[in-house]
Amino acid sequence: MVRAPRDRAVAAVRLMALVSAALAVMCVCLAFAWSAERDAAACWRTAAEFQYQPEDECRG
């Protein structure tokens, strides 16, 4: 069965929308991870600057 060009166009648009949604979810996850790691790095940087050993305060 041969699909009409319109059906292929609709399928292509749906595929691109799905890929865009997946990329958006990945961006949100990466932004959250980056924020958490940045906070942990700041904690370790402060600990090194003031020469103290953090126990459980610096997660990372």
Protein backbone atom coordinates (compact mmCIF):
# COMPACT_ATOMS: atom_id res chain seq x y z
CA MET A 1 0.00 0.00 0.00
CA VAL A 2 1.45 3.35 -1.07
CA ARG A 3 0.92 6.26 1.27
CA ALA A 4 -0.12 9.61 -0.04
CA PRO A 5 2.40 12.46 0.30
CA ARG A 6 0.10 14.16 2.80
CA ASP A 7 0.21 11.13 5.11
CA ARG A 8 4.00 11.13 4.98
CA ALA A 9 4.11 14.82 5.80
CA VAL A 10 1.82 14.32 8.79
CA ALA A 11 3.97 11.41 9.99
CA ALA A 12 7.13 13.50 9.59
CA VAL A 13 5.65 16.38 11.59
CA ARG A 14 4.54 14.00 14.34
CA LEU A 15 8.01 12.45 14.46
CA MET A 16 9.66 15.87 14.69
CA ALA A 17 7.25 16.88 17.46
CA LEU A 18 8.12 13.71 19.38
CA VAL A 19 11.85 14.33 18.96
CA SER A 20 11.40 17.94 20.10
CA ALA A 21 9.50 16.86 23.20
CA ALA A 22 12.19 14.29 24.04
CA LEU A 23 14.90 16.93 23.67
CA ALA A 24 12.97 19.32 25.91
CA VAL A 25 12.74 16.67 28.63
CA MET A 26 16.47 15.97 28.30
CA CYS A 27 17.23 19.70 28.63
CA VAL A 28 15.18 19.95 31.82
CA CYS A 29 16.98 16.93 33.30
CA LEU A 30 20.39 18.33 32.36
CA ALA A 31 19.54 21.75 33.82
CA PHE A 32 18.52 20.15 37.11
CA ALA A 33 21.67 18.00 37.24
CA TRP A 34 23.88 20.98 36.38
CA SER A 35 22.30 23.05 39.13
CA ALA A 36 22.81 20.31 41.72
CA GLU A 37 26.45 19.78 40.71
CA ARG A 38 27.11 23.53 40.71
CA ASP A 39 25.82 23.75 44.29
CA ALA A 40 27.99 20.80 45.35
CA ALA A 41 31.05 22.36 43.69
CA ALA A 42 30.40 25.65 45.48
CA CYS A 43 30.21 23.80 48.78
CA TRP A 44 33.53 22.03 48.16
CA ARG A 45 35.13 25.28 46.99
CA THR A 46 34.05 27.00 50.22
CA ALA A 47 35.32 24.06 52.25
CA ALA A 48 38.71 24.27 50.53
CA GLU A 49 38.90 28.02 50.97
CA PHE A 50 38.26 27.89 54.71
CA GLN A 51 40.13 24.57 55.16
CA TYR A 52 37.43 22.53 56.85
CA GLN A 53 36.21 19.00 56.18
CA PRO A 54 32.51 18.88 55.38
CA GLU A 55 30.87 15.65 56.49
CA ASP A 56 27.48 15.37 54.80
CA GLU A 57 26.88 18.97 53.80
CA CYS A 58 28.50 18.66 50.35
CA ARG A 59 26.59 16.18 48.29
CA GLY A 60 28.08 15.25 44.98
